[in-house]
Amino acid sequence: LARLSRWQTPWVALWAQGAVSIVLCWLPGNSLSALMSGFGVASWVYYLGTALALLKLRGSQPDWARPYRAPMACVWACVAASVLLVASTFFSQPLPTLMALCCCGLAWPARWALAACGCLGKG
């Protein structure tokens, strides 16, 4: 999946993502709106992870160079918005939200398994 084209685009991963999206739309009871709802939840979960990683790195590596400025208020606003948006989606659509959260949770073990077998390539 990590194979890059001459333009440094992960073309195999993009085709795999497109295929999975099409299959998900064809499943009974699913639609493009359900797919977009799951995408929204997954996006906010990863935004939350990014903000939390920034907070951890600021505490554990205070001497690292910071080429971009990120005020703490913006980081905490991203954390709050992520948690609130995922929670509100959970209360309005619990099953699709749980499915999206499970997919997010499976991403890390899948990445570790692919790395262990040497399937990720270099870079």
Protein backbone atom coordinates (compact mmCIF):
# COMPACT_ATOMS: atom_id res chain seq x y z
CA LEU A 1 0.00 0.00 0.00
CA ALA A 2 2.92 2.35 0.56
CA ARG A 3 4.19 2.13 -3.03
CA LEU A 4 4.78 5.62 -4.42
CA SER A 5 4.43 6.87 -7.96
CA ARG A 6 7.04 9.03 -9.63
CA TRP A 7 5.15 12.05 -8.17
CA GLN A 8 5.51 10.58 -4.66
CA THR A 9 1.79 9.74 -4.47
CA PRO A 10 0.74 6.57 -2.59
CA TRP A 11 -1.32 5.37 -5.55
CA VAL A 12 -1.95 1.83 -4.27
CA ALA A 13 -3.31 3.15 -0.98
CA LEU A 14 -5.55 5.62 -2.82
CA TRP A 15 -7.01 2.88 -5.02
CA ALA A 16 -7.53 0.65 -1.96
CA GLN A 17 -9.29 3.48 -0.12
CA GLY A 18 -11.54 4.10 -3.14
CA ALA A 19 -12.40 0.41 -3.38
CA VAL A 20 -13.29 0.21 0.30
CA SER A 21 -15.46 3.33 -0.02
CA ILE A 22 -17.37 1.86 -2.95
CA VAL A 23 -17.93 -1.42 -1.09
CA LEU A 24 -19.17 0.47 1.96
CA CYS A 25 -21.66 2.41 -0.17
CA TRP A 26 -22.97 -0.85 -1.67
CA LEU A 27 -23.61 -2.52 1.68
CA PRO A 28 -27.29 -2.82 2.60
CA GLY A 29 -28.55 0.14 4.58
CA ASN A 30 -25.58 2.33 3.75
CA SER A 31 -25.43 5.45 1.66
CA LEU A 32 -23.04 8.22 0.83
CA SER A 33 -24.40 10.28 3.74
CA ALA A 34 -23.66 7.42 6.17
CA LEU A 35 -20.16 7.14 4.73
CA MET A 36 -19.61 10.88 5.14
CA SER A 37 -20.89 10.72 8.71
CA GLY A 38 -18.33 8.02 9.52
CA PHE A 39 -15.63 10.02 7.78
CA GLY A 40 -16.48 13.06 9.91
CA VAL A 41 -16.16 11.09 13.15
CA ALA A 42 -12.88 9.53 12.04
CA SER A 43 -11.50 12.91 11.01
CA TRP A 44 -12.26 14.47 14.38
CA VAL A 45 -10.73 11.49 16.20
CA TYR A 46 -7.48 12.02 14.28
CA TYR A 47 -7.60 15.79 14.87
CA LEU A 48 -7.90 15.01 18.57
CA GLY A 49 -4.91 12.67 18.34
CA THR A 50 -2.86 15.34 16.59
CA ALA A 51 -3.66 17.95 19.23
CA LEU A 52 -2.92 15.53 22.08
CA ALA A 53 0.39 14.55 20.45
CA LEU A 54 1.33 18.22 20.19
CA LEU A 55 0.55 18.72 23.88
CA LYS A 56 2.62 15.67 24.85
CA LEU A 57 5.60 16.69 22.70
CA ARG A 58 5.56 20.21 24.10
CA GLY A 59 5.86 18.74 27.57
CA SER A 60 8.32 15.94 26.86
CA GLN A 61 10.53 17.73 24.28
CA PRO A 62 10.54 21.44 25.20
CA ASP A 63 13.89 22.07 23.46
CA TRP A 64 12.86 20.84 20.00
CA ALA A 65 12.74 23.38 17.20
CA ARG A 66 9.25 24.68 16.46
CA PRO A 67 9.06 25.82 12.84
CA TYR A 68 5.34 26.60 13.22
CA ARG A 69 3.66 28.39 16.08
CA ALA A 70 0.59 26.83 17.65
CA PRO A 71 -0.85 28.84 20.53
CA MET A 72 -2.00 26.65 23.41
CA ALA A 73 -5.49 28.14 23.26
CA CYS A 74 -5.87 26.86 19.69
CA VAL A 75 -4.61 23.41 20.65
CA TRP A 76 -7.05 23.17 23.57
CA ALA A 77 -9.87 24.48 21.36
CA CYS A 78 -9.14 21.66 18.90
CA VAL A 79 -9.21 19.11 21.74
CA ALA A 80 -12.54 20.46 23.03
CA ALA A 81 -14.12 20.67 19.57
CA SER A 82 -13.02 17.14 18.70
CA VAL A 83 -14.40 15.64 21.89
CA LEU A 84 -17.68 17.56 21.64
CA LEU A 85 -18.27 16.76 17.97
CA VAL A 86 -17.56 13.05 18.39
CA ALA A 87 -19.77 12.94 21.49
CA SER A 88 -22.65 14.76 19.81
CA THR A 89 -22.44 12.45 16.80
CA PHE A 90 -22.41 9.46 19.15
CA PHE A 91 -25.60 10.60 20.84
CA SER A 92 -27.40 11.26 17.55
CA GLN A 93 -26.07 8.22 15.62
CA PRO A 94 -24.56 5.70 18.05
CA LEU A 95 -24.06 2.71 15.72
CA PRO A 96 -22.30 4.50 12.83
CA THR A 97 -20.17 6.38 15.36
CA LEU A 98 -19.14 3.16 17.08
CA MET A 99 -18.28 1.62 13.72
CA ALA A 100 -16.12 4.62 12.81
CA LEU A 101 -14.40 4.54 16.20
CA CYS A 102 -13.70 0.82 15.76
CA CYS A 103 -12.12 1.50 12.37
CA CYS A 104 -9.96 4.20 13.96
CA GLY A 105 -9.00 1.83 16.75
CA LEU A 106 -8.05 -0.90 14.28
CA ALA A 107 -5.74 1.41 12.36
CA TRP A 108 -2.92 1.18 14.91
CA PRO A 109 -2.80 -2.62 15.24
CA ALA A 110 -3.04 -2.92 11.45
CA ARG A 111 -0.12 -0.52 11.02
CA TRP A 112 1.96 -2.42 13.58
CA ALA A 113 1.17 -5.75 11.87
CA LEU A 114 2.11 -4.35 8.45
CA ALA A 115 5.34 -2.94 9.87
CA ALA A 116 6.18 -6.26 11.54
CA CYS A 117 5.85 -8.19 8.27
CA GLY A 118 7.81 -5.56 6.33
CA CYS A 119 4.86 -4.62 4.12
CA LEU A 120 5.08 -0.86 4.65
CA GLY A 121 8.10 -0.23 2.49
CA LYS A 122 10.69 2.44 3.17
CA GLY A 123 9.93 5.94 4.36
